[in-house]
Amino acid sequence: MGYLGWTEAETLDTSMPAILLAYEGRVELLRKIFGGDAEPPPEEKPLDRETAGKILLARIRRAAAG
């Protein structure tokens, strides 16, 4: 279904590992056609409030000094 181009019946008759493998293959195909990173960038952890506040304050001061 969807990006894989399978019918609902085909999808329901396919094991989950095969679906995941087909999905990975489709992603690889699209990357080869359109380019892009081999792996998605790692997810960044959100900053804690104190660190975020310090960064924001530093940016405000730089903008004000400007």
N, C-alpha and C. Protein backbone atom coordinates (compact mmCIF):
# COMPACT_ATOMS: atom_id res chain seq x y z
N MET A 1 0.84 -1.18 0.00
CA MET A 1 0.00 0.00 0.00
C MET A 1 0.89 1.24 0.00
N GLY A 2 0.30 2.35 -0.23
CA GLY A 2 1.02 3.61 -0.14
C GLY A 2 2.29 3.65 -0.97
N TYR A 3 3.39 3.98 -0.33
CA TYR A 3 4.67 4.16 -1.01
C TYR A 3 5.19 2.88 -1.64
N LEU A 4 4.78 1.74 -1.14
CA LEU A 4 5.27 0.47 -1.68
C LEU A 4 4.50 0.06 -2.92
N GLY A 5 3.33 0.63 -3.13
CA GLY A 5 2.55 0.31 -4.31
C GLY A 5 1.86 -1.04 -4.24
N TRP A 6 1.65 -1.54 -3.05
CA TRP A 6 0.99 -2.84 -2.88
C TRP A 6 -0.50 -2.65 -2.66
N THR A 7 -1.26 -3.68 -3.01
CA THR A 7 -2.69 -3.65 -2.70
C THR A 7 -2.85 -4.02 -1.23
N GLU A 8 -4.04 -3.79 -0.71
CA GLU A 8 -4.31 -4.15 0.69
C GLU A 8 -4.14 -5.65 0.90
N ALA A 9 -4.64 -6.44 -0.04
CA ALA A 9 -4.53 -7.90 0.08
C ALA A 9 -3.07 -8.35 0.08
N GLU A 10 -2.26 -7.75 -0.80
CA GLU A 10 -0.84 -8.10 -0.83
C GLU A 10 -0.16 -7.76 0.50
N THR A 11 -0.51 -6.60 1.04
CA THR A 11 0.09 -6.18 2.30
C THR A 11 -0.30 -7.11 3.43
N LEU A 12 -1.58 -7.49 3.49
CA LEU A 12 -2.04 -8.36 4.57
C LEU A 12 -1.46 -9.77 4.46
N ASP A 13 -1.08 -10.19 3.26
CA ASP A 13 -0.50 -11.52 3.06
C ASP A 13 1.03 -11.53 3.22
N THR A 14 1.61 -10.41 3.59
CA THR A 14 3.06 -10.29 3.68
C THR A 14 3.47 -10.19 5.14
N SER A 15 4.57 -10.86 5.50
CA SER A 15 5.04 -10.81 6.89
C SER A 15 5.62 -9.43 7.20
N MET A 16 5.64 -9.07 8.48
CA MET A 16 6.16 -7.78 8.90
C MET A 16 7.63 -7.62 8.53
N PRO A 17 8.50 -8.63 8.72
CA PRO A 17 9.89 -8.46 8.29
C PRO A 17 10.02 -8.17 6.79
N ALA A 18 9.18 -8.79 5.98
CA ALA A 18 9.23 -8.54 4.54
C ALA A 18 8.76 -7.12 4.21
N ILE A 19 7.78 -6.63 4.94
CA ILE A 19 7.30 -5.27 4.73
C ILE A 19 8.40 -4.27 5.09
N LEU A 20 9.07 -4.50 6.22
CA LEU A 20 10.15 -3.61 6.63
C LEU A 20 11.29 -3.63 5.62
N LEU A 21 11.63 -4.80 5.10
CA LEU A 21 12.68 -4.91 4.10
C LEU A 21 12.28 -4.17 2.82
N ALA A 22 11.04 -4.31 2.40
CA ALA A 22 10.56 -3.61 1.21
C ALA A 22 10.59 -2.10 1.42
N TYR A 23 10.22 -1.66 2.61
CA TYR A 23 10.24 -0.23 2.92
C TYR A 23 11.67 0.31 2.86
N GLU A 24 12.60 -0.41 3.47
CA GLU A 24 14.00 0.02 3.44
C GLU A 24 14.52 0.07 2.00
N GLY A 25 14.12 -0.89 1.19
CA GLY A 25 14.51 -0.89 -0.21
C GLY A 25 13.96 0.30 -0.95
N ARG A 26 12.72 0.68 -0.67
CA ARG A 26 12.11 1.84 -1.31
C ARG A 26 12.84 3.12 -0.91
N VAL A 27 13.18 3.22 0.37
CA VAL A 27 13.92 4.40 0.84
C VAL A 27 15.28 4.48 0.14
N GLU A 28 15.96 3.34 0.03
CA GLU A 28 17.25 3.31 -0.65
C GLU A 28 17.10 3.73 -2.12
N LEU A 29 16.07 3.24 -2.78
CA LEU A 29 15.82 3.60 -4.17
C LEU A 29 15.62 5.11 -4.32
N LEU A 30 14.81 5.70 -3.44
CA LEU A 30 14.55 7.13 -3.50
C LEU A 30 15.81 7.95 -3.23
N ARG A 31 16.65 7.47 -2.32
CA ARG A 31 17.91 8.16 -2.05
C ARG A 31 18.83 8.12 -3.26
N LYS A 32 18.84 7.00 -3.97
CA LYS A 32 19.67 6.91 -5.16
C LYS A 32 19.16 7.81 -6.27
N ILE A 33 17.85 7.94 -6.36
CA ILE A 33 17.26 8.78 -7.40
C ILE A 33 17.43 10.27 -7.07
N PHE A 34 17.10 10.65 -5.85
CA PHE A 34 17.05 12.05 -5.48
C PHE A 34 18.22 12.52 -4.63
N GLY A 35 19.08 11.59 -4.21
CA GLY A 35 20.20 11.96 -3.34
C GLY A 35 19.76 12.04 -1.90
N GLY A 36 20.70 12.29 -1.07
CA GLY A 36 20.41 12.42 0.35
C GLY A 36 21.37 11.58 1.17
N ASP A 37 21.30 11.75 2.45
CA ASP A 37 22.17 11.03 3.36
C ASP A 37 21.84 9.55 3.38
N ALA A 38 22.87 8.74 3.56
CA ALA A 38 22.66 7.30 3.65
C ALA A 38 21.86 6.97 4.90
N GLU A 39 22.10 7.68 5.96
CA GLU A 39 21.38 7.47 7.21
C GLU A 39 20.80 8.81 7.66
N PRO A 40 19.62 8.79 8.25
CA PRO A 40 19.07 10.04 8.77
C PRO A 40 19.94 10.55 9.91
N PRO A 41 19.99 11.86 10.12
CA PRO A 41 20.80 12.37 11.23
C PRO A 41 20.25 11.89 12.56
N PRO A 42 21.12 11.70 13.54
CA PRO A 42 20.63 11.25 14.85
C PRO A 42 19.73 12.31 15.48
N GLU A 43 18.77 11.85 16.22
CA GLU A 43 17.85 12.77 16.87
C GLU A 43 18.57 13.49 17.99
N GLU A 44 18.34 14.80 18.07
CA GLU A 44 18.96 15.58 19.13
C GLU A 44 18.07 15.54 20.36
N LYS A 45 18.73 15.45 21.52
CA LYS A 45 17.98 15.49 22.76
C LYS A 45 17.59 16.94 23.05
N PRO A 46 16.39 17.16 23.57
CA PRO A 46 16.01 18.53 23.90
C PRO A 46 16.91 19.08 25.00
N LEU A 47 17.14 20.37 24.95
CA LEU A 47 17.97 21.01 25.98
C LEU A 47 17.18 21.14 27.27
N ASP A 48 17.90 21.09 28.38
CA ASP A 48 17.24 21.36 29.65
C ASP A 48 16.96 22.86 29.72
N ARG A 49 16.09 23.28 30.61
CA ARG A 49 15.66 24.68 30.68
C ARG A 49 16.80 25.63 30.96
N GLU A 50 17.70 25.23 31.84
CA GLU A 50 18.81 26.12 32.20
C GLU A 50 19.72 26.38 31.00
N THR A 51 20.09 25.33 30.28
CA THR A 51 20.96 25.48 29.10
C THR A 51 20.25 26.28 28.02
N ALA A 52 18.99 25.99 27.78
CA ALA A 52 18.23 26.73 26.77
C ALA A 52 18.15 28.21 27.14
N GLY A 53 17.96 28.50 28.41
CA GLY A 53 17.90 29.89 28.87
C GLY A 53 19.21 30.62 28.65
N LYS A 54 20.33 29.94 28.93
CA LYS A 54 21.65 30.55 28.73
C LYS A 54 21.90 30.85 27.26
N ILE A 55 21.53 29.91 26.39
CA ILE A 55 21.72 30.11 24.95
C ILE A 55 20.85 31.28 24.47
N LEU A 56 19.62 31.32 24.90
CA LEU A 56 18.71 32.39 24.50
C LEU A 56 19.23 33.74 24.97
N LEU A 57 19.67 33.82 26.21
CA LEU A 57 20.19 35.07 26.75
C LEU A 57 21.42 35.53 25.98
N ALA A 58 22.31 34.60 25.64
CA ALA A 58 23.51 34.95 24.88
C ALA A 58 23.13 35.48 23.49
N ARG A 59 22.14 34.89 22.86
CA ARG A 59 21.70 35.36 21.54
C ARG A 59 21.06 36.75 21.63
N ILE A 60 20.30 36.98 22.66
CA ILE A 60 19.68 38.30 22.85
C ILE A 60 20.77 39.35 23.05
N ARG A 61 21.78 39.04 23.88
CA ARG A 61 22.86 39.99 24.13
C ARG A 61 23.64 40.30 22.85
N ARG A 62 23.90 39.26 22.04
CA ARG A 62 24.61 39.47 20.77
C ARG A 62 23.80 40.34 19.83
N ALA A 63 22.49 40.11 19.78
CA ALA A 63 21.62 40.90 18.91
C ALA A 63 21.57 42.35 19.37
N ALA A 64 21.54 42.57 20.69
CA ALA A 64 21.48 43.92 21.23
C ALA A 64 22.79 44.66 21.00
N ALA A 65 23.91 43.92 21.03
CA ALA A 65 25.22 44.55 20.83
C ALA A 65 25.45 44.88 19.37
N GLY A 66 24.74 44.18 18.52
CA GLY A 66 24.80 44.28 17.20
C GLY A 66 25.22 44.81 16.05
